[in-house]
PDB file of N, CA and C in Angstrom:
ATOM      1  N   MET A   1     144.115  45.708  56.645  1.00  0.00           N
ATOM      2  CA  MET A   1     145.484  45.994  56.658  1.00  0.00           C
ATOM      3  C   MET A   1     145.250  46.540  58.387  1.00  0.00           C
ATOM      4  N   ASN A   2     143.874  47.425  58.234  1.00  0.00           N
ATOM      5  CA  ASN A   2     143.784  47.991  59.933  1.00  0.00           C
ATOM      6  C   ASN A   2     143.030  47.054  60.992  1.00  0.00           C
ATOM      7  N   ARG A   3     142.508  45.935  60.056  1.00  0.00           N
ATOM      8  CA  ARG A   3     142.175  45.192  61.562  1.00  0.00           C
ATOM      9  C   ARG A   3     143.196  44.198  62.149  1.00  0.00           C
ATOM     10  N   PHE A   4     144.030  44.133  60.571  1.00  0.00           N
ATOM     11  CA  PHE A   4     145.831  43.452  61.056  1.00  0.00           C
ATOM     12  C   PHE A   4     145.988  43.728  62.588  1.00  0.00           C
ATOM     13  N   LEU A   5     146.046  45.226  62.575  1.00  0.00           N
ATOM     14  CA  LEU A   5     147.453  45.513  63.007  1.00  0.00           C
ATOM     15  C   LEU A   5     146.597  45.405  65.015  1.00  0.00           C
ATOM     16  N   PRO A   6     145.486  45.730  65.157  1.00  0.00           N
ATOM     17  CA  PRO A   6     144.943  45.492  66.331  1.00  0.00           C
ATOM     18  C   PRO A   6     145.024  44.246  67.095  1.00  0.00           C
ATOM     19  N   VAL A   7     144.832  42.893  66.269  1.00  0.00           N
ATOM     20  CA  VAL A   7     144.468  42.262  66.368  1.00  0.00           C
ATOM     21  C   VAL A   7     146.038  41.751  66.876  1.00  0.00           C
ATOM     22  N   SER A   8     147.056  42.198  66.205  1.00  0.00           N
ATOM     23  CA  SER A   8     147.888  41.128  66.199  1.00  0.00           C
ATOM     24  C   SER A   8     149.023  42.146  67.479  1.00  0.00           C
ATOM     25  N   ALA A   9     148.393  43.366  67.459  1.00  0.00           N
ATOM     26  CA  ALA A   9     149.053  43.809  69.110  1.00  0.00           C
ATOM     27  C   ALA A   9     148.256  43.415  69.870  1.00  0.00           C
ATOM     28  N   LEU A  10     147.408  43.196  70.075  1.00  0.00           N
ATOM     29  CA  LEU A  10     146.634  42.029  70.875  1.00  0.00           C
ATOM     30  C   LEU A  10     146.846  40.909  71.540  1.00  0.00           C
ATOM     31  N   ALA A  11     147.584  40.299  70.277  1.00  0.00           N
ATOM     32  CA  ALA A  11     148.568  38.682  69.987  1.00  0.00           C
ATOM     33  C   ALA A  11     149.546  39.376  71.037  1.00  0.00           C
ATOM     34  N   LEU A  12     150.062  40.337  70.659  1.00  0.00           N
ATOM     35  CA  LEU A  12     151.604  40.347  71.494  1.00  0.00           C
ATOM     36  C   LEU A  12     151.260  41.020  72.617  1.00  0.00           C
ATOM     37  N   ALA A  13     150.898  41.485  73.123  1.00  0.00           N
ATOM     38  CA  ALA A  13     150.625  41.883  74.239  1.00  0.00           C
ATOM     39  C   ALA A  13     149.973  40.604  75.282  1.00  0.00           C
ATOM     40  N   LEU A  14     149.765  39.884  75.421  1.00  0.00           N
ATOM     41  CA  LEU A  14     149.179  38.315  75.841  1.00  0.00           C
ATOM     42  C   LEU A  14     150.266  37.909  75.867  1.00  0.00           C
ATOM     43  N   PHE A  15     150.504  37.524  74.280  1.00  0.00           N
ATOM     44  CA  PHE A  15     152.409  36.431  74.831  1.00  0.00           C
ATOM     45  C   PHE A  15     153.196  37.878  75.623  1.00  0.00           C
ATOM     46  N   ALA A  16     153.589  38.130  75.452  1.00  0.00           N
ATOM     47  CA  ALA A  16     154.392  39.198  76.350  1.00  0.00           C
ATOM     48  C   ALA A  16     153.703  39.662  77.832  1.00  0.00           C
ATOM     49  N   GLY A  17     152.500  39.142  78.189  1.00  0.00           N
ATOM     50  CA  GLY A  17     152.336  39.077  79.603  1.00  0.00           C
ATOM     51  C   GLY A  17     152.693  38.146  80.294  1.00  0.00           C
ATOM     52  N   THR A  18     152.247  36.901  79.048  1.00  0.00           N
ATOM     53  CA  THR A  18     152.766  35.453  79.763  1.00  0.00           C
ATOM     54  C   THR A  18     154.539  35.302  79.608  1.00  0.00           C
ATOM     55  N   VAL A  19     155.223  36.172  78.908  1.00  0.00           N
ATOM     56  CA  VAL A  19     156.072  35.303  79.059  1.00  0.00           C
ATOM     57  C   VAL A  19     156.645  36.102  80.572  1.00  0.00           C
ATOM     58  N   ALA A  20     156.116  37.203  80.697  1.00  0.00           N
ATOM     59  CA  ALA A  20     156.769  38.406  81.459  1.00  0.00           C
ATOM     60  C   ALA A  20     156.294  37.512  83.446  1.00  0.00           C
ATOM     61  N   ALA A  21     154.816  36.917  83.242  1.00  0.00           N
ATOM     62  CA  ALA A  21     154.840  36.253  84.615  1.00  0.00           C
ATOM     63  C   ALA A  21     155.466  35.186  85.571  1.00  0.00           C
ATOM     64  N   ALA A  22     155.647  35.409  86.703  1.00  0.00           N
ATOM     65  CA  ALA A  22     156.628  34.492  87.372  1.00  0.00           C
ATOM     66  C   ALA A  22     156.217  33.287  87.339  1.00  0.00           C
ATOM     67  N   PRO A  23     157.210  32.209  87.502  1.00  0.00           N
ATOM     68  CA  PRO A  23     156.122  31.000  87.491  1.00  0.00           C
ATOM     69  C   PRO A  23     155.234  30.945  89.199  1.00  0.00           C
ATOM     70  N   ILE A  24     154.431  29.763  89.202  1.00  0.00           N
ATOM     71  CA  ILE A  24     153.978  29.843  90.855  1.00  0.00           C
ATOM     72  C   ILE A  24     154.589  28.529  91.245  1.00  0.00           C
ATOM     73  N   ASN A  25     155.129  27.964  91.694  1.00  0.00           N
ATOM     74  CA  ASN A  25     155.450  26.921  92.484  1.00  0.00           C
ATOM     75  C   ASN A  25     154.962  26.339  93.729  1.00  0.00           C
ATOM     76  N   ILE A  26     154.048  24.717  93.782  1.00  0.00           N
ATOM     77  CA  ILE A  26     153.889  24.523  94.777  1.00  0.00           C
ATOM     78  C   ILE A  26     154.424  23.305  94.751  1.00  0.00           C
ATOM     79  N   GLU A  27     154.501  23.269  96.521  1.00  0.00           N
ATOM     80  CA  GLU A  27     154.948  22.045  96.453  1.00  0.00           C
ATOM     81  C   GLU A  27     154.062  21.257  96.795  1.00  0.00           C
ATOM     82  N   VAL A  28     153.726  19.832  96.936  1.00  0.00           N
ATOM     83  CA  VAL A  28     153.148  19.599  97.310  1.00  0.00           C
ATOM     84  C   VAL A  28     153.261  18.544  98.074  1.00  0.00           C
ATOM     85  N   PRO A  29     153.264  18.008  99.495  1.00  0.00           N
ATOM     86  CA  PRO A  29     153.805  16.671 100.349  1.00  0.00           C
ATOM     87  C   PRO A  29     153.082  15.257  99.660  1.00  0.00           C
ATOM     88  N   THR A  30     153.835  14.607  99.892  1.00  0.00           N
ATOM     89  CA  THR A  30     153.575  13.406  99.259  1.00  0.00           C
ATOM     90  C   THR A  30     153.023  12.316 100.410  1.00  0.00           C
ATOM     91  N   ASN A  31     153.031  12.962 101.863  1.00  0.00           N
ATOM     92  CA  ASN A  31     153.227  12.032 103.129  1.00  0.00           C
ATOM     93  C   ASN A  31     151.531  12.611 104.126  1.00  0.00           C
ATOM     94  N   ILE A  32     150.944  12.682 102.460  1.00  0.00           N
ATOM     95  CA  ILE A  32     149.829  13.392 103.063  1.00  0.00           C
ATOM     96  C   ILE A  32     148.630  11.855 103.867  1.00  0.00           C
ATOM     97  N   GLU A  33     148.349  12.039 104.518  1.00  0.00           N
ATOM     98  CA  GLU A  33     147.552  11.108 105.312  1.00  0.00           C
ATOM     99  C   GLU A  33     145.643  11.285 105.127  1.00  0.00           C
ATOM    100  N   PRO A  34     144.715  10.833 104.338  1.00  0.00           N
ATOM    101  CA  PRO A  34     143.302  11.276 104.915  1.00  0.00           C
ATOM    102  C   PRO A  34     143.056  11.601 106.275  1.00  0.00           C
ATOM    103  N   GLN A  35     141.701  12.191 106.178  1.00  0.00           N
ATOM    104  CA  GLN A  35     141.498  12.156 108.043  1.00  0.00           C
ATOM    105  C   GLN A  35     140.759  11.482 108.171  1.00  0.00           C
ATOM    106  N   GLN A  36     141.132  11.121 109.939  1.00  0.00           N
ATOM    107  CA  GLN A  36     140.236   9.695 109.752  1.00  0.00           C
ATOM    108  C   GLN A  36     138.619  10.077 110.924  1.00  0.00           C
ATOM    109  N   SER A  37     138.006   9.598 110.968  1.00  0.00           N
ATOM    110  CA  SER A  37     136.787   9.569 110.902  1.00  0.00           C
ATOM    111  C   SER A  37     137.133   9.692 112.720  1.00  0.00           C
ATOM    112  N   GLY A  38     136.429  10.757 113.327  1.00  0.00           N
ATOM    113  CA  GLY A  38     135.790  10.091 114.703  1.00  0.00           C
ATOM    114  C   GLY A  38     134.648   9.227 115.232  1.00  0.00           C
ATOM    115  N   LEU A  39     134.218   9.111 114.465  1.00  0.00           N
ATOM    116  CA  LEU A  39     132.326   8.519 114.284  1.00  0.00           C
ATOM    117  C   LEU A  39     132.783   6.961 114.177  1.00  0.00           C
ATOM    118  N   THR A  40     131.838   5.961 115.212  1.00  0.00           N
ATOM    119  CA  THR A  40     132.101   4.733 114.963  1.00  0.00           C
ATOM    120  C   THR A  40     131.162   4.063 114.019  1.00  0.00           C
ATOM    121  N   ARG A  41     130.936   2.966 113.361  1.00  0.00           N
ATOM    122  CA  ARG A  41     130.167   2.220 112.467  1.00  0.00           C
ATOM    123  C   ARG A  41     128.386   2.908 112.743  1.00  0.00           C
ATOM    124  N   ALA A  42     128.636   2.314 114.337  1.00  0.00           N
ATOM    125  CA  ALA A  42     127.037   2.335 114.997  1.00  0.00           C
ATOM    126  C   ALA A  42     126.485   3.831 114.600  1.00  0.00           C
ATOM    127  N   GLU A  43     127.042   4.451 115.046  1.00  0.00           N
ATOM    128  CA  GLU A  43     126.730   6.282 114.285  1.00  0.00           C
ATOM    129  C   GLU A  43     126.739   6.513 113.330  1.00  0.00           C
ATOM    130  N   VAL A  44     127.716   5.930 112.419  1.00  0.00           N
ATOM    131  CA  VAL A  44     126.633   6.481 110.849  1.00  0.00           C
ATOM    132  C   VAL A  44     125.750   6.058 110.264  1.00  0.00           C
ATOM    133  N   ILE A  45     125.769   5.209 110.566  1.00  0.00           N
ATOM    134  CA  ILE A  45     124.424   4.254 110.198  1.00  0.00           C
ATOM    135  C   ILE A  45     123.365   4.902 110.984  1.00  0.00           C
ATOM    136  N   ALA A  46     123.427   5.493 112.197  1.00  0.00           N
ATOM    137  CA  ALA A  46     122.085   6.325 113.183  1.00  0.00           C
ATOM    138  C   ALA A  46     121.751   6.889 112.377  1.00  0.00           C
ATOM    139  N   ASP A  47     123.235   7.945 112.075  1.00  0.00           N
ATOM    140  CA  ASP A  47     122.886   9.914 111.686  1.00  0.00           C
ATOM    141  C   ASP A  47     122.148   9.027 110.353  1.00  0.00           C
ATOM    142  N   TYR A  48     122.112   8.297 109.414  1.00  0.00           N
ATOM    143  CA  TYR A  48     121.795   7.956 107.867  1.00  0.00           C
ATOM    144  C   TYR A  48     120.564   7.777 108.064  1.00  0.00           C
ATOM    145  N   HIS A  49     120.236   6.873 109.556  1.00  0.00           N
ATOM    146  CA  HIS A  49     118.902   6.807 109.683  1.00  0.00           C
ATOM    147  C   HIS A  49     117.782   8.365 110.235  1.00  0.00           C
ATOM    148  N   MET A  50     118.746   8.820 110.742  1.00  0.00           N
ATOM    149  CA  MET A  50     117.908  10.316 111.237  1.00  0.00           C
ATOM    150  C   MET A  50     117.837  11.057 109.840  1.00  0.00           C
ATOM    151  N   TRP A  51     118.052  11.201 108.576  1.00  0.00           N
ATOM    152  CA  TRP A  51     118.565  11.936 107.914  1.00  0.00           C
ATOM    153  C   TRP A  51     117.809  11.357 106.883  1.00  0.00           C
ATOM    154  N   ARG A  52     117.243   9.677 106.403  1.00  0.00           N
ATOM    155  CA  ARG A  52     116.314   9.714 105.986  1.00  0.00           C
ATOM    156  C   ARG A  52     114.800   9.994 107.120  1.00  0.00           C
ATOM    157  N   LEU A  53     114.545   9.162 108.240  1.00  0.00           N
ATOM    158  CA  LEU A  53     113.838   9.934 108.780  1.00  0.00           C
ATOM    159  C   LEU A  53     113.364  11.400 108.657  1.00  0.00           C
ATOM    160  N   ALA A  54     113.906  11.802 108.213  1.00  0.00           N
ATOM    161  CA  ALA A  54     113.803  13.630 108.398  1.00  0.00           C
ATOM    162  C   ALA A  54     113.498  14.134 107.122  1.00  0.00           C
ATOM    163  N   GLY A  55     113.368  13.127 105.888  1.00  0.00           N
ATOM    164  CA  GLY A  55     112.946  13.689 104.710  1.00  0.00           C
ATOM    165  C   GLY A  55     114.152  13.770 103.887  1.00  0.00           C
ATOM    166  N   LEU A  56     115.131  14.116 104.077  1.00  0.00           N
ATOM    167  CA  LEU A  56     116.487  14.448 103.172  1.00  0.00           C
ATOM    168  C   LEU A  56     116.529  13.775 102.055  1.00  0.00           C
ATOM    169  N   ALA A  57     116.580  12.522 102.845  1.00  0.00           N
ATOM    170  CA  ALA A  57     117.001  11.727 101.101  1.00  0.00           C
ATOM    171  C   ALA A  57     115.915  11.605 100.463  1.00  0.00           C
ATOM    172  N   GLU A  58     114.938  12.118 100.480  1.00  0.00           N
ATOM    173  CA  GLU A  58     113.757  12.185  99.183  1.00  0.00           C
ATOM    174  C   GLU A  58     114.098  13.706  98.842  1.00  0.00           C
ATOM    175  N   LEU A  59     114.930  14.787  99.434  1.00  0.00           N
ATOM    176  CA  LEU A  59     115.124  15.815  99.118  1.00  0.00           C
ATOM    177  C   LEU A  59     116.363  15.990  98.055  1.00  0.00           C
ATOM    178  N   THR A  60     117.428  14.894  98.344  1.00  0.00           N
ATOM    179  CA  THR A  60     118.731  15.075  97.776  1.00  0.00           C
ATOM    180  C   THR A  60     118.581  13.520  96.864  1.00  0.00           C
ATOM    181  N   ARG A  61     117.689  13.313  96.132  1.00  0.00           N
ATOM    182  CA  ARG A  61     117.368  11.815  95.493  1.00  0.00           C
ATOM    183  C   ARG A  61     117.258  13.040  94.243  1.00  0.00           C
ATOM    184  N   GLY A  62     117.963  12.158  92.983  1.00  0.00           N
ATOM    185  CA  GLY A  62     118.147  12.743  91.726  1.00  0.00           C
ATOM    186  C   GLY A  62     119.084  13.629  91.437  1.00  0.00           C
ATOM    187  N   GLU A  63     119.433  13.369  90.011  1.00  0.00           N
ATOM    188  CA  GLU A  63     120.304  14.272  89.614  1.00  0.00           C
ATOM    189  C   GLU A  63     120.004  15.830  89.471  1.00  0.00           C
ATOM    190  N   GLN A  64     119.377  16.687  89.871  1.00  0.00           N
ATOM    191  CA  GLN A  64     119.174  18.104  90.269  1.00  0.00           C
ATOM    192  C   GLN A  64     119.662  18.093  91.724  1.00  0.00           C
ATOM    193  N   SER A  65     120.603  19.765  91.979  1.00  0.00           N
ATOM    194  CA  SER A  65     120.970  20.181  93.436  1.00  0.00           C
ATOM    195  C   SER A  65     119.500  20.373  94.405  1.00  0.00           C
ATOM    196  N   VAL A  66     119.788  20.728  95.408  1.00  0.00           N
ATOM    197  CA  VAL A  66     119.212  20.620  95.991  1.00  0.00           C
ATOM    198  C   VAL A  66     118.813  21.976  96.918  1.00  0.00           C
ATOM    199  N   ASP A  67     117.429  23.242  96.943  1.00  0.00           N
ATOM    200  CA  ASP A  67     117.691  24.711  97.182  1.00  0.00           C
ATOM    201  C   ASP A  67     117.444  24.294  98.251  1.00  0.00           C
ATOM    202  N   THR A  68     119.122  24.517  99.242  1.00  0.00           N
ATOM    203  CA  THR A  68     119.050  24.514 100.738  1.00  0.00           C
ATOM    204  C   THR A  68     118.757  25.857 101.165  1.00  0.00           C
ATOM    205  N   ASN A  69     117.765  26.933 100.276  1.00  0.00           N
ATOM    206  CA  ASN A  69     116.866  28.116 100.530  1.00  0.00           C
ATOM    207  C   ASN A  69     115.813  27.849 100.653  1.00  0.00           C
ATOM    208  N   SER A  70     114.943  26.582 100.639  1.00  0.00           N
ATOM    209  CA  SER A  70     113.827  26.050 100.484  1.00  0.00           C
ATOM    210  C   SER A  70     113.323  26.101 101.863  1.00  0.00           C
ATOM    211  N   TYR A  71     111.693  26.097 101.895  1.00  0.00           N
ATOM    212  CA  TYR A  71     111.005  26.088 103.305  1.00  0.00           C
ATOM    213  C   TYR A  71     111.077  24.477 102.932  1.00  0.00           C
ATOM    214  N   ALA A  72     111.065  23.934 102.589  1.00  0.00           N
ATOM    215  CA  ALA A  72     111.176  22.210 102.680  1.00  0.00           C
ATOM    216  C   ALA A  72     112.015  21.399 102.663  1.00  0.00           C
ATOM    217  N   TYR A  73     113.028  21.830 102.690  1.00  0.00           N
ATOM    218  CA  TYR A  73     114.161  21.606 102.913  1.00  0.00           C
ATOM    219  C   TYR A  73     114.713  22.398 104.069  1.00  0.00           C
ATOM    220  N   LYS A  74     114.579  23.387 104.450  1.00  0.00           N
ATOM    221  CA  LYS A  74     114.902  24.287 106.124  1.00  0.00           C
ATOM    222  C   LYS A  74     114.487  23.086 107.385  1.00  0.00           C
ATOM    223  N   LYS A  75     113.168  23.159 106.979  1.00  0.00           N
ATOM    224  CA  LYS A  75     111.634  22.211 107.690  1.00  0.00           C
ATOM    225  C   LYS A  75     112.196  21.250 108.010  1.00  0.00           C
ATOM    226  N   GLU A  76     112.939  20.479 106.804  1.00  0.00           N
ATOM    227  CA  GLU A  76     113.197  18.627 106.623  1.00  0.00           C
ATOM    228  C   GLU A  76     114.758  18.964 107.489  1.00  0.00           C
ATOM    229  N   TYR A  77     115.711  19.464 107.489  1.00  0.00           N
ATOM    230  CA  TYR A  77     116.687  19.909 107.981  1.00  0.00           C
ATOM    231  C   TYR A  77     116.514  19.733 109.330  1.00  0.00           C
ATOM    232  N   ALA A  78     115.404  20.895 110.088  1.00  0.00           N
ATOM    233  CA  ALA A  78     115.233  21.612 111.064  1.00  0.00           C
ATOM    234  C   ALA A  78     115.211  19.694 111.868  1.00  0.00           C
ATOM    235  N   THR A  79     114.173  18.659 111.170  1.00  0.00           N
ATOM    236  CA  THR A  79     113.483  18.198 111.604  1.00  0.00           C
ATOM    237  C   THR A  79     114.756  17.327 112.028  1.00  0.00           C
ATOM    238  N   TYR A  80     115.706  16.575 110.977  1.00  0.00           N
ATOM    239  CA  TYR A  80     117.016  15.491 111.353  1.00  0.00           C
ATOM    240  C   TYR A  80     118.150  16.147 112.327  1.00  0.00           C
ATOM    241  N   VAL A  81     118.402  17.638 112.459  1.00  0.00           N
ATOM    242  CA  VAL A  81     118.502  17.757 113.482  1.00  0.00           C
ATOM    243  C   VAL A  81     118.502  17.607 114.751  1.00  0.00           C
ATOM    244  N   TYR A  82     116.677  17.855 114.947  1.00  0.00           N
ATOM    245  CA  TYR A  82     116.301  17.590 116.466  1.00  0.00           C
ATOM    246  C   TYR A  82     116.323  16.261 116.443  1.00  0.00           C
ATOM    247  N   LEU A  83     116.522  15.317 115.558  1.00  0.00           N
ATOM    248  CA  LEU A  83     115.984  13.369 115.590  1.00  0.00           C
ATOM    249  C   LEU A  83     117.826  13.650 116.107  1.00  0.00           C
ATOM    250  N   ARG A  84     118.597  13.775 115.448  1.00  0.00           N
ATOM    251  CA  ARG A  84     119.881  14.005 115.730  1.00  0.00           C
ATOM    252  C   ARG A  84     120.431  14.109 117.124  1.00  0.00           C
ATOM    253  N   GLU A  85     119.918  14.890 117.683  1.00  0.00           N
ATOM    254  CA  GLU A  85     120.172  15.524 118.906  1.00  0.00           C
ATOM    255  C   GLU A  85     119.463  14.653 119.948  1.00  0.00           C
ATOM    256  N   SER A  86     118.366  13.958 119.456  1.00  0.00           N
ATOM    257  CA  SER A  86     117.288  13.451 120.493  1.00  0.00           C
ATOM    258  C   SER A  86     117.844  12.183 121.154  1.00  0.00           C
ATOM    259  N   PRO A  87     117.226  11.505 121.612  1.00  0.00           N
ATOM    260  CA  PRO A  87     117.520  10.663 122.788  1.00  0.00           C
ATOM    261  C   PRO A  87     117.162   9.427 122.130  1.00  0.00           C
ATOM    262  N   GLN A  88     116.495   9.452 120.616  1.00  0.00           N
ATOM    263  CA  GLN A  88     116.265   8.423 119.588  1.00  0.00           C
ATOM    264  C   GLN A  88     117.742   7.758 119.012  1.00  0.00           C
ATOM    265  N   TYR A  89     118.805   8.666 118.980  1.00  0.00           N
ATOM    266  CA  TYR A  89     119.192   8.694 118.383  1.00  0.00           C
ATOM    267  C   TYR A  89     120.994   7.986 119.643  1.00  0.00           C
ATOM    268  N   ALA A  90     120.665   8.409 120.110  1.00  0.00           N
ATOM    269  CA  ALA A  90     121.390   7.927 120.921  1.00  0.00           C
ATOM    270  C   ALA A  90     120.953   6.680 121.440  1.00  0.00           C
ATOM    271  N   ALA A  91     119.890   5.995 121.904  1.00  0.00           N
ATOM    272  CA  ALA A  91     119.097   4.576 122.224  1.00  0.00           C
ATOM    273  C   ALA A  91     119.652   4.095 120.443  1.00  0.00           C
ATOM    274  N   LEU A  92     119.713   4.368 119.495  1.00  0.00           N
ATOM    275  CA  LEU A  92     119.843   3.554 117.969  1.00  0.00           C
ATOM    276  C   LEU A  92     121.392   3.449 117.816  1.00  0.00           C
ATOM    277  N   VAL A  93     122.063   4.305 118.512  1.00  0.00           N
ATOM    278  CA  VAL A  93     123.761   3.688 118.693  1.00  0.00           C
ATOM    279  C   VAL A  93     123.748   2.325 119.474  1.00  0.00           C
ATOM    280  N   ALA A  94     123.213   2.713 120.992  1.00  0.00           N
ATOM    281  CA  ALA A  94     123.666   1.750 121.429  1.00  0.00           C
ATOM    282  C   ALA A  94     122.991   0.282 120.763  1.00  0.00           C
ATOM    283  N   GLN A  95     121.743   0.334 120.342  1.00  0.00           N
ATOM    284  CA  GLN A  95     121.713  -0.932 120.114  1.00  0.00           C
ATOM    285  C   GLN A  95     122.180  -1.574 118.732  1.00  0.00           C
ATOM    286  N   LEU A  96     122.392  -0.047 117.651  1.00  0.00           N
ATOM    287  CA  LEU A  96     123.804  -0.854 116.849  1.00  0.00           C
ATOM    288  C   LEU A  96     124.939  -0.932 117.439  1.00  0.00           C
ATOM    289  N   GLN A  97     125.313  -1.110 118.541  1.00  0.00           N
ATOM    290  CA  GLN A  97     126.709  -1.387 118.929  1.00  0.00           C
ATOM    291  C   GLN A  97     126.536  -3.120 119.362  1.00  0.00           C
ATOM    292  N   ALA A  98     125.399  -2.756 120.468  1.00  0.00           N
ATOM    293  CA  ALA A  98     124.848  -4.337 120.682  1.00  0.00           C
ATOM    294  C   ALA A  98     124.984  -5.294 119.995  1.00  0.00           C
ATOM    295  N   HIS A  99     123.790  -4.849 119.261  1.00  0.00           N
ATOM    296  CA  HIS A  99     123.344  -5.950 117.021  1.00  0.00           C
ATOM    297  C   HIS A  99     124.197  -5.092 115.778  1.00  0.00           C
ATOM    298  N   PRO A 100     124.968  -4.885 115.316  1.00  0.00           N
ATOM    299  CA  PRO A 100     125.397  -4.698 114.057  1.00  0.00           C
ATOM    300  C   PRO A 100     124.866  -4.412 113.323  1.00  0.00           C
ATOM    301  N   ASN A 101     124.056  -5.687 112.973  1.00  0.00           N
ATOM    302  CA  ASN A 101     123.397  -6.443 112.059  1.00  0.00           C
ATOM    303  C   ASN A 101     122.238  -6.300 112.353  1.00  0.00           C
ATOM    304  N   SER A 102     121.642  -5.399 112.991  1.00  0.00           N
ATOM    305  CA  SER A 102     120.059  -4.598 112.954  1.00  0.00           C
ATOM    306  C   SER A 102     119.551  -4.410 111.968  1.00  0.00           C
ATOM    307  N   ASN A 103     118.331  -4.862 111.631  1.00  0.00           N
ATOM    308  CA  ASN A 103     117.531  -3.550 110.464  1.00  0.00           C
ATOM    309  C   ASN A 103     117.003  -2.943 111.278  1.00  0.00           C
ATOM    310  N   VAL A 104     117.363  -1.869 110.912  1.00  0.00           N
ATOM    311  CA  VAL A 104     116.708  -0.416 111.438  1.00  0.00           C
ATOM    312  C   VAL A 104     114.955  -0.159 110.730  1.00  0.00           C
ATOM    313  N   VAL A 105     114.231  -0.058 111.475  1.00  0.00           N
ATOM    314  CA  VAL A 105     112.815   0.093 110.943  1.00  0.00           C
ATOM    315  C   VAL A 105     112.544   1.534 110.992  1.00  0.00           C
ATOM    316  N   GLY A 106     111.875   2.696 110.367  1.00  0.00           N
ATOM    317  CA  GLY A 106     111.818   3.671 110.882  1.00  0.00           C
ATOM    318  C   GLY A 106     110.307   4.268 110.097  1.00  0.00           C
ATOM    319  N   ILE A 107     109.810   5.201 111.163  1.00  0.00           N
ATOM    320  CA  ILE A 107     108.201   5.410 110.086  1.00  0.00           C
ATOM    321  C   ILE A 107     108.039   6.613 110.176  1.00  0.00           C
ATOM    322  N   ARG A 108     107.968   7.620 109.281  1.00  0.00           N
ATOM    323  CA  ARG A 108     107.530   8.754 109.199  1.00  0.00           C
ATOM    324  C   ARG A 108     106.107   8.805 109.359  1.00  0.00           C
ATOM    325  N   PRO A 109     104.947   9.693 110.772  1.00  0.00           N
ATOM    326  CA  PRO A 109     103.909   9.530 110.865  1.00  0.00           C
ATOM    327  C   PRO A 109     103.269  10.298 109.061  1.00  0.00           C
ATOM    328  N   ASP A 110     103.832  11.264 108.566  1.00  0.00           N
ATOM    329  CA  ASP A 110     103.014  11.476 107.757  1.00  0.00           C
ATOM    330  C   ASP A 110     103.660  10.641 105.942  1.00  0.00           C
ATOM    331  N   ALA A 111     104.129   9.780 106.458  1.00  0.00           N
ATOM    332  CA  ALA A 111     104.624   9.108 105.607  1.00  0.00           C
ATOM    333  C   ALA A 111     103.396   8.194 104.617  1.00  0.00           C
ATOM    334  N   GLY A 112     102.251   7.992 104.957  1.00  0.00           N
ATOM    335  CA  GLY A 112     101.154   7.645 104.339  1.00  0.00           C
ATOM    336  C   GLY A 112     101.018   6.250 105.305  1.00  0.00           C
ATOM    337  N   ASP A 113     101.845   5.669 106.828  1.00  0.00           N
ATOM    338  CA  ASP A 113     101.557   4.568 106.524  1.00  0.00           C
ATOM    339  C   ASP A 113     100.584   4.464 107.859  1.00  0.00           C
ATOM    340  N   THR A 114      99.752   3.810 108.137  1.00  0.00           N
ATOM    341  CA  THR A 114      98.894   3.600 109.139  1.00  0.00           C
ATOM    342  C   THR A 114      99.277   3.227 110.343  1.00  0.00           C
ATOM    343  N   HIS A 115     100.217   2.475 110.377  1.00  0.00           N
ATOM    344  CA  HIS A 115     100.676   2.164 111.810  1.00  0.00           C
ATOM    345  C   HIS A 115     101.471   2.711 112.009  1.00  0.00           C
ATOM    346  N   ALA A 116     101.782   4.519 111.919  1.00  0.00           N
ATOM    347  CA  ALA A 116     102.695   4.844 112.551  1.00  0.00           C
ATOM    348  C   ALA A 116     102.232   5.552 114.354  1.00  0.00           C
ATOM    349  N   ALA A 117     102.904   5.810 115.148  1.00  0.00           N
ATOM    350  CA  ALA A 117     101.987   6.980 116.335  1.00  0.00           C
ATOM    351  C   ALA A 117     102.211   8.502 115.411  1.00  0.00           C
ATOM    352  N   LYS A 118     101.424   8.510 115.999  1.00  0.00           N
ATOM    353  CA  LYS A 118     100.705  10.012 116.262  1.00  0.00           C
ATOM    354  C   LYS A 118     100.953  10.944 117.323  1.00  0.00           C
TER     355      LYS A 118
END
């Protein structure tokens, strides 16, 4: 009987707390539209290729989450930012706008390719 009293008192306190709590009403508008991207298709494709060339595609592959504090990630991300701000990005966007169905070939010098520029 001594065990039953504290458990029943706890249950009564929890139940009383939920009954006394005031409901919170949240109004959700029904006319919300998704935000439109300001990027063109060519910019998105060029950005993807800069991401891939920087090595971030390899780091983010798989089911495990990426350690964004690791040296490898920070190095590859810095490379991505550099490429994204480079004239190569602007040239790739212009080329993709002129020829939307172009194949983009990018080579990383450290990817083991003997034809890469050094």
